[in-house]
Amino acid sequence: MKIKIQYQVRPFLGSYIILPVGEDVWKDPALLLVNELGLDILRLLSSDTDETEILRWVLEAYDIDEATAKRDIRGYVAQLQARDMLSDADQLED
């Protein structure tokens, strides 16, 4: 899967606002507020990747157990899919 919109990032009160830009602003003009992990995942999605690669990266970069990481990644990817921000998504296995 890969992020399929153009966006800019703006820091905001310890979080980050994701702003669609160009033609993508008309697809979903709403802002997306993410934390540092959410921003890191968006950056990973700048190139074609899957949830397994994201999980591997999150487990190496953050002090989090695998079950919690899977749940959080799935939820975040679902939010991005609901906003039509991703190309086809590969699901994590249980």
C-alpha atoms as a PDB file:
ATOM      1  CA  MET A   1       0.000   0.000   0.000  1.00  0.00           C
ATOM      2  CA  LYS A   2       1.066   3.551  -0.508  1.00  0.00           C
ATOM      3  CA  ILE A   3      -0.186   7.024   0.374  1.00  0.00           C
ATOM      4  CA  LYS A   4      -1.888   8.391  -2.712  1.00  0.00           C
ATOM      5  CA  ILE A   5      -2.446  12.019  -1.843  1.00  0.00           C
ATOM      6  CA  GLN A   6      -0.173  15.022  -1.792  1.00  0.00           C
ATOM      7  CA  TYR A   7       0.087  16.618   1.626  1.00  0.00           C
ATOM      8  CA  GLN A   8       2.010  19.047   3.782  1.00  0.00           C
ATOM      9  CA  VAL A   9       2.829  18.633   7.455  1.00  0.00           C
ATOM     10  CA  ARG A  10       2.474  21.425  10.001  1.00  0.00           C
ATOM     11  CA  PRO A  11       3.433  21.099  13.686  1.00  0.00           C
ATOM     12  CA  PHE A  12       0.574  21.906  16.049  1.00  0.00           C
ATOM     13  CA  LEU A  13       0.700  21.767  19.866  1.00  0.00           C
ATOM     14  CA  GLY A  14       2.934  18.700  20.047  1.00  0.00           C
ATOM     15  CA  SER A  15       1.136  16.935  17.215  1.00  0.00           C
ATOM     16  CA  TYR A  16       1.083  17.350  13.452  1.00  0.00           C
ATOM     17  CA  ILE A  17      -1.613  18.506  11.063  1.00  0.00           C
ATOM     18  CA  ILE A  18      -1.710  16.760   7.706  1.00  0.00           C
ATOM     19  CA  LEU A  19      -2.997  19.139   5.048  1.00  0.00           C
ATOM     20  CA  PRO A  20      -4.035  17.855   1.636  1.00  0.00           C
ATOM     21  CA  VAL A  21      -2.616  20.042  -1.134  1.00  0.00           C
ATOM     22  CA  GLY A  22      -3.095  20.527  -4.845  1.00  0.00           C
ATOM     23  CA  GLU A  23      -5.997  18.677  -6.413  1.00  0.00           C
ATOM     24  CA  ASP A  24      -6.215  16.407  -3.370  1.00  0.00           C
ATOM     25  CA  VAL A  25      -7.608  19.231  -1.233  1.00  0.00           C
ATOM     26  CA  TRP A  26     -10.912  18.818  -3.079  1.00  0.00           C
ATOM     27  CA  LYS A  27     -11.082  15.066  -2.421  1.00  0.00           C
ATOM     28  CA  ASP A  28     -11.098  15.504   1.355  1.00  0.00           C
ATOM     29  CA  PRO A  29     -10.610  19.057   2.597  1.00  0.00           C
ATOM     30  CA  ALA A  30     -10.645  17.967   6.255  1.00  0.00           C
ATOM     31  CA  LEU A  31      -7.437  18.085   8.243  1.00  0.00           C
ATOM     32  CA  LEU A  32      -5.877  15.038   9.834  1.00  0.00           C
ATOM     33  CA  LEU A  33      -4.241  15.416  13.249  1.00  0.00           C
ATOM     34  CA  VAL A  34      -1.544  12.831  14.020  1.00  0.00           C
ATOM     35  CA  ASN A  35       1.092  12.197  16.650  1.00  0.00           C
ATOM     36  CA  GLU A  36       4.752  11.439  15.931  1.00  0.00           C
ATOM     37  CA  LEU A  37       4.048   7.753  15.259  1.00  0.00           C
ATOM     38  CA  GLY A  38       1.253   8.629  12.829  1.00  0.00           C
ATOM     39  CA  LEU A  39       3.596  10.957  10.989  1.00  0.00           C
ATOM     40  CA  ASP A  40       6.299   8.272  10.880  1.00  0.00           C
ATOM     41  CA  ILE A  41       3.828   5.796   9.383  1.00  0.00           C
ATOM     42  CA  LEU A  42       2.733   8.338   6.765  1.00  0.00           C
ATOM     43  CA  ARG A  43       6.371   8.779   5.811  1.00  0.00           C
ATOM     44  CA  LEU A  44       6.787   5.003   5.529  1.00  0.00           C
ATOM     45  CA  LEU A  45       3.750   4.988   3.246  1.00  0.00           C
ATOM     46  CA  SER A  46       5.432   7.442   0.896  1.00  0.00           C
ATOM     47  CA  SER A  47       6.937   4.360  -0.719  1.00  0.00           C
ATOM     48  CA  ASP A  48       5.082   1.129  -1.379  1.00  0.00           C
ATOM     49  CA  THR A  49       4.966  -0.839   1.876  1.00  0.00           C
ATOM     50  CA  ASP A  50       2.644  -3.179   3.755  1.00  0.00           C
ATOM     51  CA  GLU A  51       1.393  -3.460   7.305  1.00  0.00           C
ATOM     52  CA  THR A  52       3.957  -6.161   8.123  1.00  0.00           C
ATOM     53  CA  GLU A  53       6.821  -3.807   7.238  1.00  0.00           C
ATOM     54  CA  ILE A  54       5.185  -1.024   9.244  1.00  0.00           C
ATOM     55  CA  LEU A  55       4.763  -3.373  12.215  1.00  0.00           C
ATOM     56  CA  ARG A  56       8.417  -4.420  12.041  1.00  0.00           C
ATOM     57  CA  TRP A  57       9.510  -0.780  11.990  1.00  0.00           C
ATOM     58  CA  VAL A  58       7.206   0.234  14.869  1.00  0.00           C
ATOM     59  CA  LEU A  59       8.408  -2.654  17.043  1.00  0.00           C
ATOM     60  CA  GLU A  60      12.034  -1.622  16.468  1.00  0.00           C
ATOM     61  CA  ALA A  61      11.448   2.119  16.965  1.00  0.00           C
ATOM     62  CA  TYR A  62       8.987   2.150  19.886  1.00  0.00           C
ATOM     63  CA  ASP A  63       8.625   0.353  23.208  1.00  0.00           C
ATOM     64  CA  ILE A  64       5.326  -1.385  22.441  1.00  0.00           C
ATOM     65  CA  ASP A  65       4.093  -4.974  22.448  1.00  0.00           C
ATOM     66  CA  GLU A  66       3.186  -6.639  19.166  1.00  0.00           C
ATOM     67  CA  ALA A  67      -0.547  -7.060  19.882  1.00  0.00           C
ATOM     68  CA  THR A  68      -0.990  -3.377  20.742  1.00  0.00           C
ATOM     69  CA  ALA A  69       1.089  -2.293  17.749  1.00  0.00           C
ATOM     70  CA  LYS A  70      -0.998  -4.466  15.380  1.00  0.00           C
ATOM     71  CA  ARG A  71      -4.250  -3.084  16.778  1.00  0.00           C
ATOM     72  CA  ASP A  72      -3.081   0.517  16.526  1.00  0.00           C
ATOM     73  CA  ILE A  73      -1.640   0.118  13.013  1.00  0.00           C
ATOM     74  CA  ARG A  74      -4.844  -1.544  11.783  1.00  0.00           C
ATOM     75  CA  GLY A  75      -6.938   1.262  13.253  1.00  0.00           C
ATOM     76  CA  TYR A  76      -4.764   3.959  11.721  1.00  0.00           C
ATOM     77  CA  VAL A  77      -4.689   2.274   8.313  1.00  0.00           C
ATOM     78  CA  ALA A  78      -8.488   1.901   8.473  1.00  0.00           C
ATOM     79  CA  GLN A  79      -8.804   5.653   9.112  1.00  0.00           C
ATOM     80  CA  LEU A  80      -6.561   6.413   6.140  1.00  0.00           C
ATOM     81  CA  GLN A  81      -8.544   4.013   3.944  1.00  0.00           C
ATOM     82  CA  ALA A  82     -11.840   5.570   5.040  1.00  0.00           C
ATOM     83  CA  ARG A  83     -10.506   8.916   3.820  1.00  0.00           C
ATOM     84  CA  ASP A  84      -9.370   7.303   0.539  1.00  0.00           C
ATOM     85  CA  MET A  85      -5.755   8.232   1.245  1.00  0.00           C
ATOM     86  CA  LEU A  86      -4.199   4.810   0.510  1.00  0.00           C
ATOM     87  CA  SER A  87      -3.773   2.548  -2.448  1.00  0.00           C
ATOM     88  CA  ASP A  88      -4.649  -1.115  -1.816  1.00  0.00           C
ATOM     89  CA  ALA A  89      -3.886  -2.177   1.747  1.00  0.00           C
ATOM     90  CA  ASP A  90      -2.374  -5.498   2.794  1.00  0.00           C
ATOM     91  CA  GLN A  91      -3.761  -6.673   6.125  1.00  0.00           C
ATOM     92  CA  LEU A  92      -1.706  -7.953   9.063  1.00  0.00           C
ATOM     93  CA  GLU A  93      -2.208 -11.590   9.963  1.00  0.00           C
ATOM     94  CA  ASP A  94      -3.355 -12.452  13.496  1.00  0.00           C
END
